[in-house]
Amino acid sequence: MHIELEPDDYYINEQGYKVFTEKYHLKRGYCCLNGCKHCPYGFHEKKKKSYYSKKLDADGKK
């Protein structure tokens, strides 16, 4: 699925990287688990480790 980018879907930061906005993430419809700065799904890099361990526990694999 390809999502057409609109001007307010992202901005270019001081380092020249494209940073997706919350609007874009909501339009995409799912969390990519990359710890995006504007993640509306509650996933952030700081939570990555605990998220994965909870997922492993829930799946019965560790």
N, C-alpha and C. Protein backbone atom coordinates (compact mmCIF):
# COMPACT_ATOMS: atom_id res chain seq x y z
N MET A 1 0.84 -1.18 0.00
CA MET A 1 0.00 0.00 0.00
C MET A 1 0.88 1.24 0.00
N HIS A 2 0.68 2.10 -0.94
CA HIS A 2 1.44 3.35 -1.05
C HIS A 2 0.57 4.51 -0.58
N ILE A 3 1.12 5.31 0.32
CA ILE A 3 0.40 6.47 0.83
C ILE A 3 1.01 7.72 0.20
N GLU A 4 0.17 8.49 -0.46
CA GLU A 4 0.61 9.74 -1.08
C GLU A 4 0.95 10.74 0.03
N LEU A 5 2.15 11.29 0.01
CA LEU A 5 2.56 12.26 1.03
C LEU A 5 2.01 13.64 0.73
N GLU A 6 1.51 14.27 1.79
CA GLU A 6 1.04 15.65 1.72
C GLU A 6 2.04 16.51 2.48
N PRO A 7 2.06 17.81 2.22
CA PRO A 7 3.04 18.69 2.87
C PRO A 7 3.05 18.63 4.40
N ASP A 8 1.90 18.41 5.04
CA ASP A 8 1.90 18.37 6.51
C ASP A 8 2.05 16.96 7.07
N ASP A 9 2.46 16.00 6.25
CA ASP A 9 2.72 14.63 6.71
C ASP A 9 4.13 14.49 7.28
N TYR A 10 5.00 15.42 6.98
CA TYR A 10 6.39 15.34 7.44
C TYR A 10 7.02 16.71 7.42
N TYR A 11 8.18 16.81 8.05
CA TYR A 11 9.01 18.01 7.96
C TYR A 11 10.46 17.55 7.90
N ILE A 12 11.33 18.43 7.48
CA ILE A 12 12.76 18.14 7.41
C ILE A 12 13.41 18.75 8.65
N ASN A 13 14.12 17.91 9.42
CA ASN A 13 14.74 18.43 10.64
C ASN A 13 16.08 19.10 10.33
N GLU A 14 16.74 19.59 11.37
CA GLU A 14 18.01 20.32 11.19
C GLU A 14 19.10 19.47 10.56
N GLN A 15 19.02 18.15 10.75
CA GLN A 15 20.02 17.24 10.17
C GLN A 15 19.68 16.84 8.75
N GLY A 16 18.54 17.32 8.25
CA GLY A 16 18.14 17.01 6.88
C GLY A 16 17.31 15.75 6.72
N TYR A 17 16.87 15.16 7.84
CA TYR A 17 16.06 13.94 7.78
C TYR A 17 14.57 14.27 7.68
N LYS A 18 13.83 13.42 7.01
CA LYS A 18 12.38 13.55 6.92
C LYS A 18 11.80 12.96 8.20
N VAL A 19 11.00 13.74 8.92
CA VAL A 19 10.38 13.31 10.17
C VAL A 19 8.86 13.28 9.96
N PHE A 20 8.27 12.11 10.09
CA PHE A 20 6.84 11.98 9.87
C PHE A 20 6.05 12.51 11.06
N THR A 21 4.94 13.17 10.79
CA THR A 21 4.09 13.76 11.82
C THR A 21 3.10 12.72 12.34
N GLU A 22 2.45 13.07 13.44
CA GLU A 22 1.41 12.21 13.99
C GLU A 22 0.30 11.98 12.96
N LYS A 23 -0.03 13.01 12.20
CA LYS A 23 -1.06 12.90 11.16
C LYS A 23 -0.71 11.79 10.17
N TYR A 24 0.56 11.75 9.74
CA TYR A 24 0.98 10.72 8.79
C TYR A 24 0.86 9.33 9.40
N HIS A 25 1.33 9.18 10.64
CA HIS A 25 1.27 7.87 11.29
C HIS A 25 -0.17 7.38 11.41
N LEU A 26 -1.07 8.28 11.76
CA LEU A 26 -2.48 7.89 11.87
C LEU A 26 -3.05 7.52 10.51
N LYS A 27 -2.63 8.23 9.48
CA LYS A 27 -3.08 7.92 8.12
C LYS A 27 -2.57 6.54 7.70
N ARG A 28 -1.33 6.22 8.08
CA ARG A 28 -0.76 4.92 7.75
C ARG A 28 -1.52 3.81 8.46
N GLY A 29 -1.91 4.06 9.72
CA GLY A 29 -2.80 3.13 10.39
C GLY A 29 -2.18 2.06 11.27
N TYR A 30 -0.87 2.04 11.46
CA TYR A 30 -0.25 1.05 12.33
C TYR A 30 1.10 1.55 12.82
N CYS A 31 1.58 0.94 13.88
CA CYS A 31 2.89 1.29 14.43
C CYS A 31 3.97 0.43 13.78
N CYS A 32 5.07 1.07 13.37
CA CYS A 32 6.17 0.35 12.73
C CYS A 32 7.20 -0.15 13.74
N LEU A 33 7.03 0.20 15.03
CA LEU A 33 7.92 -0.22 16.11
C LEU A 33 9.34 0.31 15.99
N ASN A 34 9.51 1.44 15.33
CA ASN A 34 10.84 2.03 15.17
C ASN A 34 11.12 3.16 16.15
N GLY A 35 10.19 3.45 17.04
CA GLY A 35 10.40 4.52 18.01
C GLY A 35 10.32 5.91 17.40
N CYS A 36 9.40 6.11 16.48
CA CYS A 36 9.24 7.40 15.80
C CYS A 36 8.94 8.52 16.79
N LYS A 37 9.47 9.68 16.52
CA LYS A 37 9.32 10.84 17.39
C LYS A 37 7.86 11.21 17.64
N HIS A 38 7.02 11.12 16.64
CA HIS A 38 5.61 11.53 16.75
C HIS A 38 4.65 10.35 16.73
N CYS A 39 5.08 9.21 17.27
CA CYS A 39 4.25 8.01 17.28
C CYS A 39 2.98 8.22 18.11
N PRO A 40 1.79 8.10 17.48
CA PRO A 40 0.54 8.26 18.22
C PRO A 40 0.08 6.95 18.87
N TYR A 41 0.84 5.87 18.69
CA TYR A 41 0.45 4.56 19.18
C TYR A 41 1.10 4.20 20.51
N GLY A 42 1.86 5.13 21.10
CA GLY A 42 2.44 4.90 22.41
C GLY A 42 3.74 4.12 22.40
N PHE A 43 4.32 3.89 21.25
CA PHE A 43 5.59 3.15 21.18
C PHE A 43 6.72 4.14 20.98
N HIS A 44 7.69 4.10 21.87
CA HIS A 44 8.85 4.97 21.76
C HIS A 44 10.10 4.16 22.07
N GLU A 45 11.22 4.59 21.59
CA GLU A 45 12.49 3.87 21.73
C GLU A 45 12.76 3.47 23.18
N LYS A 46 12.43 4.34 24.13
CA LYS A 46 12.68 4.03 25.54
C LYS A 46 11.88 2.83 26.02
N LYS A 47 10.74 2.60 25.39
CA LYS A 47 9.86 1.50 25.79
C LYS A 47 10.13 0.23 24.98
N LYS A 48 11.01 0.30 24.02
CA LYS A 48 11.22 -0.81 23.08
C LYS A 48 11.55 -2.11 23.81
N LYS A 49 12.48 -2.07 24.74
CA LYS A 49 12.91 -3.29 25.42
C LYS A 49 11.75 -3.91 26.19
N SER A 50 11.02 -3.11 26.98
CA SER A 50 9.91 -3.67 27.75
C SER A 50 8.79 -4.15 26.84
N TYR A 51 8.57 -3.46 25.71
CA TYR A 51 7.54 -3.88 24.77
C TYR A 51 7.85 -5.27 24.23
N TYR A 52 9.10 -5.47 23.79
CA TYR A 52 9.47 -6.75 23.21
C TYR A 52 9.42 -7.87 24.25
N SER A 53 9.83 -7.61 25.49
CA SER A 53 9.78 -8.67 26.49
C SER A 53 8.34 -9.01 26.83
N LYS A 54 7.44 -8.02 26.87
CA LYS A 54 6.03 -8.32 27.11
C LYS A 54 5.46 -9.13 25.95
N LYS A 55 5.84 -8.78 24.72
CA LYS A 55 5.35 -9.50 23.54
C LYS A 55 5.85 -10.94 23.58
N LEU A 56 7.11 -11.14 23.93
CA LEU A 56 7.63 -12.50 24.01
C LEU A 56 6.90 -13.30 25.08
N ASP A 57 6.63 -12.68 26.23
CA ASP A 57 5.89 -13.38 27.29
C ASP A 57 4.50 -13.76 26.81
N ALA A 58 3.82 -12.85 26.12
CA ALA A 58 2.47 -13.10 25.64
C ALA A 58 2.44 -14.20 24.59
N ASP A 59 3.50 -14.28 23.78
CA ASP A 59 3.57 -15.32 22.75
C ASP A 59 4.06 -16.65 23.30
N GLY A 60 4.49 -16.65 24.56
CA GLY A 60 4.98 -17.88 25.17
C GLY A 60 6.38 -18.25 24.73
N LYS A 61 7.11 -17.30 24.19
CA LYS A 61 8.48 -17.57 23.73
C LYS A 61 9.42 -16.66 24.49
N LYS A 62 10.53 -17.18 24.89
CA LYS A 62 11.54 -16.35 25.54
C LYS A 62 12.87 -16.98 25.45
